[in-house]
Amino acid sequence: MVGTPVSIGAKADKAFTGEIMDSTFAKMGNHDAGYKLTGTSTAKDCSEACVKSGSKYVLYNASTKTVYELDNLGRAQSTHICLEK
């Protein structure tokens, strides 16, 4: 499920925790404005709509308000999909 914290190891000794979401609304820290803009009602659907419109998947850490760009898009997408199941 989107919103569930995940850790993606960048290196064997480093892990990042946060929510995989789109870069557009990660800057705001939530999807509130995105729901209206995209006509969606879930974080997953909002992120997917934004990515289809050119946004990128990022890892957002809400506690530090930090956005991490993901360079392994395949891993991000598979993690994003797996969390929904």
N, C-alpha and C. Protein backbone atom coordinates (compact mmCIF):
# COMPACT_ATOMS: atom_id res chain seq x y z
N MET A 1 0.84 -1.17 0.00
CA MET A 1 0.00 0.00 0.00
C MET A 1 0.89 1.23 0.00
N VAL A 2 0.59 2.21 -0.78
CA VAL A 2 1.34 3.44 -0.78
C VAL A 2 1.11 4.09 0.57
N GLY A 3 2.11 4.68 1.11
CA GLY A 3 2.02 5.25 2.43
C GLY A 3 2.65 4.35 3.47
N THR A 4 2.87 3.11 3.12
CA THR A 4 3.55 2.18 4.00
C THR A 4 5.04 2.45 3.91
N PRO A 5 5.71 2.63 5.05
CA PRO A 5 7.14 2.89 4.98
C PRO A 5 7.89 1.73 4.33
N VAL A 6 8.86 2.06 3.53
CA VAL A 6 9.70 1.05 2.89
C VAL A 6 11.15 1.48 3.05
N SER A 7 12.02 0.52 3.02
CA SER A 7 13.46 0.80 3.02
C SER A 7 14.04 0.24 1.74
N ILE A 8 14.78 1.06 1.05
CA ILE A 8 15.44 0.62 -0.17
C ILE A 8 16.93 0.82 0.05
N GLY A 9 17.66 -0.25 0.03
CA GLY A 9 19.11 -0.16 0.27
C GLY A 9 19.83 0.40 -0.93
N ALA A 10 20.49 1.53 -0.76
CA ALA A 10 21.28 2.11 -1.82
C ALA A 10 22.63 1.39 -1.90
N LYS A 11 23.16 1.06 -0.76
CA LYS A 11 24.39 0.30 -0.64
C LYS A 11 24.15 -0.68 0.49
N ALA A 12 25.04 -1.60 0.64
CA ALA A 12 24.89 -2.60 1.69
C ALA A 12 24.81 -1.96 3.07
N ASP A 13 25.46 -0.81 3.25
CA ASP A 13 25.51 -0.19 4.57
C ASP A 13 24.59 1.01 4.72
N LYS A 14 23.72 1.25 3.75
CA LYS A 14 22.87 2.43 3.80
C LYS A 14 21.44 2.08 3.39
N ALA A 15 20.47 2.52 4.15
CA ALA A 15 19.07 2.29 3.82
C ALA A 15 18.31 3.60 3.99
N PHE A 16 17.32 3.80 3.15
CA PHE A 16 16.48 4.99 3.21
C PHE A 16 15.05 4.53 3.47
N THR A 17 14.34 5.27 4.30
CA THR A 17 12.98 4.90 4.65
C THR A 17 12.04 6.02 4.22
N GLY A 18 10.88 5.62 3.70
CA GLY A 18 9.89 6.62 3.33
C GLY A 18 8.80 6.02 2.46
N GLU A 19 8.07 6.89 1.82
CA GLU A 19 6.96 6.51 0.95
C GLU A 19 7.35 6.76 -0.50
N ILE A 20 7.14 5.78 -1.35
CA ILE A 20 7.36 6.00 -2.78
C ILE A 20 6.16 6.76 -3.30
N MET A 21 6.43 7.92 -3.89
CA MET A 21 5.36 8.74 -4.44
C MET A 21 5.91 9.53 -5.62
N ASP A 22 5.11 10.41 -6.17
CA ASP A 22 5.54 11.20 -7.32
C ASP A 22 6.26 12.46 -6.86
N SER A 23 7.16 12.93 -7.70
CA SER A 23 7.96 14.10 -7.35
C SER A 23 7.13 15.38 -7.25
N THR A 24 6.05 15.47 -7.98
CA THR A 24 5.21 16.67 -7.95
C THR A 24 4.66 16.93 -6.55
N PHE A 25 4.05 15.94 -5.95
CA PHE A 25 3.40 16.16 -4.66
C PHE A 25 4.27 15.79 -3.47
N ALA A 26 5.41 15.15 -3.72
CA ALA A 26 6.36 14.91 -2.63
C ALA A 26 6.88 16.26 -2.12
N LYS A 27 7.00 17.23 -3.02
CA LYS A 27 7.47 18.56 -2.62
C LYS A 27 6.52 19.19 -1.60
N MET A 28 5.23 18.84 -1.70
CA MET A 28 4.22 19.35 -0.78
C MET A 28 4.04 18.44 0.43
N GLY A 29 4.54 17.22 0.33
CA GLY A 29 4.46 16.29 1.44
C GLY A 29 3.16 15.52 1.52
N ASN A 30 2.27 15.70 0.54
CA ASN A 30 1.00 14.97 0.54
C ASN A 30 0.36 15.04 -0.85
N HIS A 31 -0.73 14.32 -0.99
CA HIS A 31 -1.43 14.26 -2.27
C HIS A 31 -2.72 15.08 -2.29
N ASP A 32 -2.96 15.85 -1.26
CA ASP A 32 -4.24 16.55 -1.13
C ASP A 32 -4.64 17.33 -2.39
N ALA A 33 -3.75 18.17 -2.88
CA ALA A 33 -4.07 18.94 -4.09
C ALA A 33 -4.10 18.04 -5.32
N GLY A 34 -3.32 16.97 -5.29
CA GLY A 34 -3.25 16.06 -6.42
C GLY A 34 -4.54 15.31 -6.68
N TYR A 35 -5.28 15.00 -5.63
CA TYR A 35 -6.53 14.27 -5.82
C TYR A 35 -7.48 15.06 -6.72
N LYS A 36 -7.60 16.34 -6.47
CA LYS A 36 -8.47 17.18 -7.30
C LYS A 36 -7.92 17.33 -8.71
N LEU A 37 -6.62 17.57 -8.78
CA LEU A 37 -5.97 17.80 -10.07
C LEU A 37 -6.04 16.57 -10.97
N THR A 38 -5.85 15.38 -10.39
CA THR A 38 -5.81 14.16 -11.19
C THR A 38 -7.15 13.41 -11.23
N GLY A 39 -8.11 13.83 -10.40
CA GLY A 39 -9.39 13.14 -10.35
C GLY A 39 -9.28 11.76 -9.71
N THR A 40 -8.31 11.60 -8.79
CA THR A 40 -8.10 10.32 -8.13
C THR A 40 -8.45 10.44 -6.65
N SER A 41 -8.48 9.29 -5.97
CA SER A 41 -8.83 9.32 -4.55
C SER A 41 -7.87 8.53 -3.68
N THR A 42 -6.83 7.94 -4.27
CA THR A 42 -5.83 7.22 -3.47
C THR A 42 -4.45 7.74 -3.82
N ALA A 43 -3.52 7.60 -2.89
CA ALA A 43 -2.15 8.05 -3.12
C ALA A 43 -1.53 7.30 -4.30
N LYS A 44 -1.79 6.01 -4.38
CA LYS A 44 -1.24 5.20 -5.48
C LYS A 44 -1.74 5.71 -6.82
N ASP A 45 -3.05 5.91 -6.95
CA ASP A 45 -3.62 6.38 -8.21
C ASP A 45 -3.12 7.79 -8.55
N CYS A 46 -3.01 8.63 -7.55
CA CYS A 46 -2.52 9.99 -7.77
C CYS A 46 -1.08 9.95 -8.28
N SER A 47 -0.22 9.15 -7.63
CA SER A 47 1.17 9.04 -8.06
C SER A 47 1.28 8.51 -9.48
N GLU A 48 0.51 7.48 -9.77
CA GLU A 48 0.56 6.89 -11.11
C GLU A 48 0.10 7.89 -12.17
N ALA A 49 -0.94 8.66 -11.87
CA ALA A 49 -1.42 9.68 -12.82
C ALA A 49 -0.36 10.75 -13.03
N CYS A 50 0.30 11.15 -11.96
CA CYS A 50 1.33 12.18 -12.09
C CYS A 50 2.53 11.67 -12.87
N VAL A 51 2.91 10.42 -12.64
CA VAL A 51 4.05 9.84 -13.37
C VAL A 51 3.71 9.73 -14.86
N LYS A 52 2.47 9.39 -15.17
CA LYS A 52 2.07 9.33 -16.58
C LYS A 52 2.13 10.71 -17.23
N SER A 53 2.00 11.75 -16.40
CA SER A 53 2.05 13.12 -16.91
C SER A 53 3.45 13.72 -16.88
N GLY A 54 4.45 12.90 -16.52
CA GLY A 54 5.82 13.38 -16.57
C GLY A 54 6.54 13.50 -15.24
N SER A 55 5.83 13.32 -14.15
CA SER A 55 6.48 13.35 -12.84
C SER A 55 7.35 12.11 -12.69
N LYS A 56 8.22 12.09 -11.71
CA LYS A 56 9.11 10.95 -11.46
C LYS A 56 8.74 10.31 -10.12
N TYR A 57 9.03 9.01 -10.00
CA TYR A 57 8.90 8.36 -8.70
C TYR A 57 10.05 8.82 -7.81
N VAL A 58 9.74 9.13 -6.56
CA VAL A 58 10.74 9.52 -5.57
C VAL A 58 10.43 8.79 -4.26
N LEU A 59 11.37 8.84 -3.35
CA LEU A 59 11.15 8.33 -2.00
C LEU A 59 11.03 9.55 -1.11
N TYR A 60 9.91 9.67 -0.39
CA TYR A 60 9.66 10.82 0.47
C TYR A 60 9.67 10.37 1.92
N ASN A 61 10.51 11.00 2.73
CA ASN A 61 10.58 10.72 4.16
C ASN A 61 9.81 11.83 4.88
N ALA A 62 8.64 11.50 5.39
CA ALA A 62 7.77 12.51 6.01
C ALA A 62 8.37 13.07 7.30
N SER A 63 9.09 12.25 8.05
CA SER A 63 9.62 12.73 9.33
C SER A 63 10.73 13.77 9.14
N THR A 64 11.49 13.66 8.06
CA THR A 64 12.55 14.64 7.79
C THR A 64 12.18 15.59 6.66
N LYS A 65 11.04 15.33 6.02
CA LYS A 65 10.57 16.12 4.87
C LYS A 65 11.63 16.16 3.75
N THR A 66 12.25 15.00 3.54
CA THR A 66 13.31 14.87 2.54
C THR A 66 12.80 14.07 1.35
N VAL A 67 13.13 14.53 0.15
CA VAL A 67 12.77 13.83 -1.08
C VAL A 67 14.05 13.27 -1.69
N TYR A 68 14.03 11.96 -1.95
CA TYR A 68 15.17 11.30 -2.57
C TYR A 68 14.80 10.91 -4.00
N GLU A 69 15.60 11.35 -4.96
CA GLU A 69 15.40 10.91 -6.33
C GLU A 69 15.81 9.46 -6.44
N LEU A 70 15.05 8.68 -7.18
CA LEU A 70 15.35 7.26 -7.35
C LEU A 70 16.02 7.05 -8.69
N ASP A 71 17.18 6.41 -8.67
CA ASP A 71 17.86 6.14 -9.92
C ASP A 71 17.61 4.72 -10.41
N ASN A 72 16.94 3.91 -9.60
CA ASN A 72 16.60 2.55 -10.01
C ASN A 72 15.08 2.48 -10.15
N LEU A 73 14.58 3.03 -11.24
CA LEU A 73 13.14 3.13 -11.46
C LEU A 73 12.45 1.78 -11.43
N GLY A 74 13.07 0.76 -12.00
CA GLY A 74 12.46 -0.57 -11.99
C GLY A 74 12.22 -1.07 -10.58
N ARG A 75 13.16 -0.86 -9.69
CA ARG A 75 13.01 -1.28 -8.30
C ARG A 75 11.90 -0.48 -7.62
N ALA A 76 11.84 0.81 -7.89
CA ALA A 76 10.80 1.65 -7.29
C ALA A 76 9.42 1.21 -7.75
N GLN A 77 9.28 0.95 -9.05
CA GLN A 77 7.98 0.54 -9.58
C GLN A 77 7.57 -0.81 -9.02
N SER A 78 8.49 -1.76 -8.93
CA SER A 78 8.12 -3.07 -8.42
C SER A 78 7.78 -2.99 -6.94
N THR A 79 8.49 -2.16 -6.19
CA THR A 79 8.17 -1.99 -4.77
C THR A 79 6.81 -1.33 -4.63
N HIS A 80 6.55 -0.32 -5.44
CA HIS A 80 5.28 0.40 -5.43
C HIS A 80 4.12 -0.57 -5.70
N ILE A 81 4.30 -1.44 -6.67
CA ILE A 81 3.27 -2.42 -7.02
C ILE A 81 3.13 -3.47 -5.92
N CYS A 82 4.25 -3.97 -5.40
CA CYS A 82 4.20 -5.00 -4.36
C CYS A 82 3.50 -4.51 -3.10
N LEU A 83 3.66 -3.26 -2.76
CA LEU A 83 3.03 -2.74 -1.55
C LEU A 83 1.51 -2.69 -1.68
N GLU A 84 1.00 -2.69 -2.88
CA GLU A 84 -0.44 -2.64 -3.09
C GLU A 84 -1.08 -4.01 -2.91
N LYS A 85 -0.31 -5.08 -2.98
CA LYS A 85 -0.88 -6.43 -2.94
C LYS A 85 -1.02 -6.95 -1.54
